[in-house]
N, C-alpha and C. Protein backbone atom coordinates (compact mmCIF):
# COMPACT_ATOMS: atom_id res chain seq x y z
N MET A 1 236.19 268.66 228.08
CA MET A 1 235.79 269.09 229.40
C MET A 1 236.95 268.87 230.37
N VAL A 2 237.25 269.86 231.15
CA VAL A 2 238.34 269.79 232.12
C VAL A 2 237.83 269.11 233.38
N LYS A 3 238.62 268.18 233.90
CA LYS A 3 238.26 267.50 235.14
C LYS A 3 239.01 268.16 236.29
N TYR A 4 238.29 268.61 237.30
CA TYR A 4 238.91 269.25 238.44
C TYR A 4 239.04 268.25 239.58
N ILE A 5 240.17 268.29 240.25
CA ILE A 5 240.40 267.41 241.40
C ILE A 5 240.72 268.28 242.60
N ILE A 6 240.03 268.05 243.67
CA ILE A 6 240.24 268.81 244.90
C ILE A 6 241.51 268.29 245.57
N ALA A 7 242.38 269.21 246.00
CA ALA A 7 243.65 268.82 246.63
C ALA A 7 243.42 267.89 247.80
N LYS A 8 242.33 268.08 248.53
CA LYS A 8 242.03 267.22 249.67
C LYS A 8 241.90 265.76 249.24
N GLN A 9 241.41 265.52 248.01
CA GLN A 9 241.26 264.17 247.49
C GLN A 9 242.62 263.57 247.10
N MET A 10 243.61 264.43 246.86
CA MET A 10 244.93 263.96 246.44
C MET A 10 245.83 263.60 247.60
N VAL A 11 245.60 264.18 248.78
CA VAL A 11 246.46 263.94 249.93
C VAL A 11 246.52 262.45 250.24
N GLY A 12 247.74 261.95 250.36
CA GLY A 12 247.95 260.55 250.69
C GLY A 12 248.12 259.64 249.47
N LYS A 13 247.84 260.17 248.28
CA LYS A 13 248.01 259.34 247.07
C LYS A 13 249.49 259.07 246.83
N ARG A 14 249.78 257.88 246.32
CA ARG A 14 251.16 257.53 245.96
C ARG A 14 251.57 258.33 244.74
N VAL A 15 252.82 258.72 244.70
CA VAL A 15 253.38 259.44 243.55
C VAL A 15 254.43 258.53 242.92
N VAL A 16 254.23 258.20 241.66
CA VAL A 16 255.14 257.32 240.94
C VAL A 16 255.60 258.00 239.66
N THR A 17 256.77 257.59 239.18
CA THR A 17 257.26 258.13 237.92
C THR A 17 256.67 257.33 236.76
N SER A 18 256.76 257.89 235.57
CA SER A 18 256.21 257.24 234.39
C SER A 18 256.90 255.92 234.08
N ASP A 19 258.10 255.71 234.65
CA ASP A 19 258.79 254.43 234.44
C ASP A 19 258.72 253.52 235.67
N GLY A 20 257.80 253.82 236.61
CA GLY A 20 257.48 252.89 237.68
C GLY A 20 258.15 253.07 239.02
N TYR A 21 258.97 254.09 239.22
CA TYR A 21 259.61 254.30 240.52
C TYR A 21 258.66 254.99 241.49
N ASP A 22 258.63 254.52 242.73
CA ASP A 22 257.78 255.09 243.77
C ASP A 22 258.53 256.23 244.45
N LEU A 23 257.99 257.45 244.36
CA LEU A 23 258.61 258.60 245.02
C LEU A 23 258.15 258.75 246.46
N GLY A 24 256.88 258.44 246.72
CA GLY A 24 256.34 258.60 248.07
C GLY A 24 254.88 258.99 248.02
N ARG A 25 254.43 259.73 249.06
CA ARG A 25 253.03 260.14 249.18
C ARG A 25 252.89 261.65 249.03
N PHE A 26 251.85 262.07 248.33
CA PHE A 26 251.54 263.49 248.18
C PHE A 26 251.08 264.04 249.52
N VAL A 27 251.68 265.18 249.96
CA VAL A 27 251.27 265.77 251.23
C VAL A 27 250.77 267.21 251.09
N ASP A 28 251.26 267.94 250.10
CA ASP A 28 250.84 269.35 249.97
C ASP A 28 251.22 269.86 248.60
N VAL A 29 250.80 271.08 248.31
CA VAL A 29 251.09 271.70 247.02
C VAL A 29 251.43 273.17 247.25
N GLU A 30 252.30 273.70 246.42
CA GLU A 30 252.59 275.13 246.45
C GLU A 30 251.94 275.75 245.22
N MET A 31 251.44 276.98 245.40
CA MET A 31 250.82 277.65 244.27
C MET A 31 251.17 279.12 244.27
N SER A 32 251.05 279.74 243.11
CA SER A 32 251.33 281.17 242.97
C SER A 32 250.19 281.97 243.59
N GLU A 33 250.53 282.90 244.46
CA GLU A 33 249.51 283.74 245.07
C GLU A 33 248.91 284.72 244.06
N VAL A 34 249.68 285.03 243.03
CA VAL A 34 249.23 286.00 242.04
C VAL A 34 248.30 285.36 241.02
N THR A 35 248.73 284.23 240.44
CA THR A 35 247.96 283.59 239.37
C THR A 35 247.04 282.48 239.84
N GLY A 36 247.35 281.90 240.99
CA GLY A 36 246.56 280.78 241.50
C GLY A 36 246.93 279.44 240.86
N LYS A 37 247.97 279.44 240.02
CA LYS A 37 248.40 278.21 239.36
C LYS A 37 249.28 277.38 240.30
N LEU A 38 249.12 276.05 240.21
CA LEU A 38 249.96 275.15 241.00
C LEU A 38 251.37 275.17 240.46
N SER A 39 252.36 275.15 241.35
CA SER A 39 253.75 275.20 240.90
C SER A 39 254.55 273.97 241.31
N THR A 40 254.33 273.47 242.53
CA THR A 40 255.16 272.39 243.06
C THR A 40 254.34 271.44 243.93
N LEU A 41 254.55 270.14 243.74
CA LEU A 41 253.97 269.14 244.63
C LEU A 41 254.98 268.83 245.72
N LEU A 42 254.54 268.69 246.94
CA LEU A 42 255.41 268.31 248.04
C LEU A 42 255.11 266.86 248.39
N ILE A 43 256.15 266.03 248.33
CA ILE A 43 256.00 264.59 248.47
C ILE A 43 256.78 264.10 249.70
N GLU A 44 256.12 263.30 250.53
CA GLU A 44 256.81 262.63 251.63
C GLU A 44 257.49 261.40 251.03
N PRO A 45 258.83 261.35 251.06
CA PRO A 45 259.53 260.25 250.37
C PRO A 45 259.20 258.88 250.94
N SER A 46 259.22 257.88 250.07
CA SER A 46 258.97 256.51 250.50
C SER A 46 260.14 256.02 251.34
N LEU A 47 259.89 255.07 252.23
CA LEU A 47 260.91 254.59 253.16
C LEU A 47 262.06 253.86 252.48
N ASP A 48 261.79 253.22 251.36
CA ASP A 48 262.86 252.48 250.69
C ASP A 48 263.91 253.41 250.08
N GLY A 49 263.63 254.70 250.05
CA GLY A 49 264.62 255.66 249.57
C GLY A 49 264.68 255.71 248.07
N GLY A 50 265.39 254.81 247.47
CA GLY A 50 265.51 254.71 246.02
C GLY A 50 265.66 256.05 245.32
N LEU A 51 264.77 256.31 244.42
CA LEU A 51 264.82 257.51 243.60
C LEU A 51 264.61 258.78 244.43
N ALA A 52 263.78 258.72 245.45
CA ALA A 52 263.49 259.91 246.26
C ALA A 52 264.76 260.50 246.86
N ASN A 53 265.73 259.66 247.22
CA ASN A 53 266.98 260.16 247.78
C ASN A 53 267.84 260.86 246.73
N LYS A 54 267.63 260.55 245.46
CA LYS A 54 268.40 261.18 244.39
C LYS A 54 267.81 262.51 243.97
N VAL A 55 266.51 262.70 244.24
CA VAL A 55 265.83 263.94 243.91
C VAL A 55 266.03 264.90 245.07
N LYS A 56 266.08 266.19 244.77
CA LYS A 56 266.34 267.19 245.79
C LYS A 56 265.33 267.14 246.93
N LEU A 57 265.83 266.97 248.15
CA LEU A 57 265.00 267.01 249.35
C LEU A 57 265.10 268.40 249.97
N ASP A 58 263.98 268.94 250.39
CA ASP A 58 263.95 270.26 250.99
C ASP A 58 263.08 270.19 252.24
N GLY A 59 263.69 270.22 253.40
CA GLY A 59 262.93 270.14 254.64
C GLY A 59 262.26 268.80 254.85
N GLY A 60 262.86 267.74 254.32
CA GLY A 60 262.31 266.40 254.49
C GLY A 60 261.28 265.99 253.46
N VAL A 61 260.98 266.89 252.49
CA VAL A 61 260.03 266.54 251.43
C VAL A 61 260.71 266.64 250.07
N VAL A 62 260.19 265.87 249.13
CA VAL A 62 260.66 265.94 247.74
C VAL A 62 259.79 266.97 247.04
N ARG A 63 260.45 267.91 246.34
CA ARG A 63 259.74 268.94 245.59
C ARG A 63 259.68 268.52 244.13
N VAL A 64 258.47 268.35 243.61
CA VAL A 64 258.26 267.91 242.24
C VAL A 64 257.53 269.03 241.48
N PRO A 65 258.10 269.52 240.38
CA PRO A 65 257.41 270.56 239.61
C PRO A 65 256.05 270.08 239.11
N TYR A 66 255.05 270.91 239.23
CA TYR A 66 253.71 270.54 238.79
C TYR A 66 253.68 270.23 237.29
N ALA A 67 254.55 270.88 236.53
CA ALA A 67 254.60 270.64 235.08
C ALA A 67 254.93 269.19 234.74
N SER A 68 255.52 268.45 235.68
CA SER A 68 255.89 267.06 235.41
C SER A 68 254.74 266.08 235.64
N VAL A 69 253.60 266.55 236.18
CA VAL A 69 252.45 265.67 236.43
C VAL A 69 251.84 265.26 235.09
N ARG A 70 251.68 263.96 234.90
CA ARG A 70 251.11 263.42 233.67
C ARG A 70 249.70 262.88 233.86
N ALA A 71 249.39 262.37 235.04
CA ALA A 71 248.06 261.81 235.29
C ALA A 71 247.78 261.76 236.79
N VAL A 72 246.49 261.88 237.13
CA VAL A 72 246.05 261.72 238.51
C VAL A 72 244.85 260.79 238.48
N ASN A 73 244.97 259.67 239.16
CA ASN A 73 243.88 258.71 239.24
C ASN A 73 243.98 258.04 240.60
N ASP A 74 244.24 256.74 240.66
CA ASP A 74 244.46 256.06 241.93
C ASP A 74 245.81 256.45 242.51
N PHE A 75 246.70 256.96 241.68
CA PHE A 75 248.00 257.47 242.08
C PHE A 75 248.32 258.66 241.18
N ILE A 76 249.37 259.39 241.53
CA ILE A 76 249.80 260.54 240.73
C ILE A 76 251.03 260.11 239.95
N MET A 77 250.97 260.25 238.63
CA MET A 77 252.11 259.87 237.78
C MET A 77 252.83 261.14 237.31
N VAL A 78 254.16 261.14 237.50
CA VAL A 78 254.99 262.25 237.06
C VAL A 78 256.03 261.76 236.07
N ASP A 79 256.47 262.66 235.21
CA ASP A 79 257.50 262.33 234.22
C ASP A 79 258.86 262.44 234.88
N ARG A 80 259.59 261.35 234.93
CA ARG A 80 260.89 261.31 235.60
C ARG A 80 261.90 262.25 234.94
N LYS A 81 261.78 262.46 233.64
CA LYS A 81 262.71 263.32 232.91
C LYS A 81 262.63 264.78 233.36
N GLU A 82 261.50 265.16 233.93
CA GLU A 82 261.31 266.56 234.33
C GLU A 82 261.58 266.81 235.82
N LEU A 83 262.10 265.80 236.50
CA LEU A 83 262.41 265.99 237.93
C LEU A 83 263.66 266.73 238.06
């Protein structure tokens, strides 16, 4: 059974990599207008900078490919290798 999560429930969740680095907070998502599939998570980078400064920033947000999402629970876990 597929579990659906409403984007509104995801806003504000911490985004961390599978090896424990904090990227920041989830703020929005981009999706294909044609297929309706999610393509990119938009993350507000954490203040400590760290890994978020090494990942491409676009307009003040970190763009994370949706394909890198591994789990969504109390936080969103992404695979660092796919950033």
